[in-house]
């Protein structure tokens, strides 16, 4: 999985980078077909925002979280993304592929 981390009005320190990679990296255990994750960390006044766009096969998952602490917003973001991945997996596993049914003709005499 490729993880791209960018910061808006924020310097992404190695400690923040490691923290994000650990939190988002654990999601790779839940879902093997994650291709790329783009994380944007930003600060506006006293609000820290963390956004993620996760590219999986056939779909793009996006979520964002805003808190007063950057680490808290990353934690909540990881939890929210985990719920979205579990929901996506259960939807895909719950439906069998569509098969056209043949019309049964009645044999009445």
Protein backbone atom coordinates (compact mmCIF):
# COMPACT_ATOMS: atom_id res chain seq x y z
CA UNK A 1 0.00 0.00 0.00
CA UNK A 2 1.27 3.45 -0.93
CA UNK A 3 0.69 6.13 1.73
CA UNK A 4 1.04 9.79 0.72
CA UNK A 5 0.99 12.30 3.60
CA UNK A 6 0.76 16.03 2.97
CA UNK A 7 0.31 18.95 5.32
CA UNK A 8 -1.52 22.24 4.80
CA UNK A 9 -0.31 25.04 7.08
CA UNK A 10 1.52 22.31 8.96
CA UNK A 11 4.98 20.75 8.88
CA UNK A 12 4.70 16.97 8.87
CA UNK A 13 7.32 15.83 11.36
CA UNK A 14 8.75 12.30 11.36
CA UNK A 15 6.79 11.56 14.57
CA UNK A 16 3.49 12.54 12.92
CA UNK A 17 4.42 10.60 9.77
CA UNK A 18 5.17 7.44 11.79
CA UNK A 19 1.93 7.81 13.77
CA UNK A 20 -0.17 8.13 10.61
CA UNK A 21 1.59 5.21 8.92
CA UNK A 22 0.97 2.99 11.96
CA UNK A 23 -2.73 3.92 12.18
CA UNK A 24 -3.46 3.67 8.45
CA UNK A 25 -1.12 0.71 7.98
CA UNK A 26 -3.16 -1.44 10.36
CA UNK A 27 -6.13 -1.04 8.01
CA UNK A 28 -4.15 -2.98 5.42
CA UNK A 29 -4.66 -6.08 7.60
CA UNK A 30 -8.43 -5.73 7.24
CA UNK A 31 -8.47 -5.23 3.51
CA UNK A 32 -5.79 -6.58 1.18
CA UNK A 33 -6.77 -4.79 -2.01
CA UNK A 34 -5.99 -1.25 -0.81
CA UNK A 35 -3.97 0.36 -3.58
CA UNK A 36 -3.24 3.88 -2.35
CA UNK A 37 -4.02 6.15 0.59
CA UNK A 38 -3.74 9.94 0.44
CA UNK A 39 -3.76 11.68 3.82
CA UNK A 40 -4.05 15.46 4.15
CA UNK A 41 -3.38 17.04 7.54
CA UNK A 42 -4.32 20.68 8.02
CA UNK A 43 -4.60 23.32 10.74
CA UNK A 44 -7.00 26.24 10.76
CA UNK A 45 -7.00 28.34 13.91
CA UNK A 46 -7.47 25.79 16.70
CA UNK A 47 -9.02 23.04 14.60
CA UNK A 48 -6.86 20.18 13.32
CA UNK A 49 -8.32 18.33 10.36
CA UNK A 50 -7.27 14.93 9.00
CA UNK A 51 -8.67 13.72 5.67
CA UNK A 52 -8.04 10.47 3.87
CA UNK A 53 -8.87 9.23 0.40
CA UNK A 54 -8.45 5.48 0.10
CA UNK A 55 -8.35 3.90 -3.33
CA UNK A 56 -9.49 0.29 -3.29
CA UNK A 57 -10.32 -1.89 -6.26
CA UNK A 58 -13.55 -0.63 -7.74
CA UNK A 59 -14.22 2.15 -5.24
CA UNK A 60 -12.80 5.23 -3.54
CA UNK A 61 -13.44 5.75 0.18
CA UNK A 62 -13.15 9.24 1.66
CA UNK A 63 -13.59 10.56 5.17
CA UNK A 64 -12.44 13.48 7.29
CA UNK A 65 -12.34 14.32 10.97
CA UNK A 66 -11.79 17.59 12.85
CA UNK A 67 -10.65 17.88 16.47
CA UNK A 68 -8.67 20.21 18.71
CA UNK A 69 -5.70 17.82 18.72
CA UNK A 70 -4.03 16.43 15.60
CA UNK A 71 -3.46 13.01 17.17
CA UNK A 72 -7.11 12.80 18.27
CA UNK A 73 -8.30 13.62 14.76
CA UNK A 74 -6.02 10.92 13.31
CA UNK A 75 -7.37 8.37 15.83
CA UNK A 76 -10.99 9.19 15.02
CA UNK A 77 -10.22 9.15 11.31
CA UNK A 78 -8.70 5.67 11.53
CA UNK A 79 -11.75 4.38 13.44
CA UNK A 80 -14.16 5.90 10.93
CA UNK A 81 -12.22 4.50 7.99
CA UNK A 82 -12.14 1.05 9.61
CA UNK A 83 -15.96 1.10 9.86
CA UNK A 84 -16.23 2.13 6.20
CA UNK A 85 -13.93 -0.71 5.10
CA UNK A 86 -15.88 -3.29 7.11
CA UNK A 87 -19.14 -2.00 5.61
CA UNK A 88 -17.67 -2.15 2.09
CA UNK A 89 -16.43 -5.72 2.64
CA UNK A 90 -19.77 -6.97 3.98
CA UNK A 91 -21.66 -5.42 1.06
CA UNK A 92 -19.41 -7.15 -1.45
CA UNK A 93 -19.55 -10.52 0.28
CA UNK A 94 -23.30 -10.44 0.86
CA UNK A 95 -24.44 -10.36 -2.76
CA UNK A 96 -23.79 -13.22 -5.15
CA UNK A 97 -23.21 -12.34 -8.79
CA UNK A 98 -26.35 -11.74 -10.81
CA UNK A 99 -27.58 -14.74 -12.76
CA UNK A 100 -30.46 -14.47 -15.19
CA UNK A 101 -33.17 -16.98 -14.39
CA UNK A 102 -34.82 -18.93 -17.14
CA UNK A 103 -38.54 -18.69 -17.41
CA UNK A 104 -40.28 -21.89 -16.50
CA UNK A 105 -42.97 -22.90 -18.94
CA UNK A 106 -45.95 -24.69 -17.58
CA UNK A 107 -46.99 -27.98 -19.16
CA UNK A 108 -50.73 -27.94 -18.60
CA UNK A 109 -52.99 -30.21 -20.63
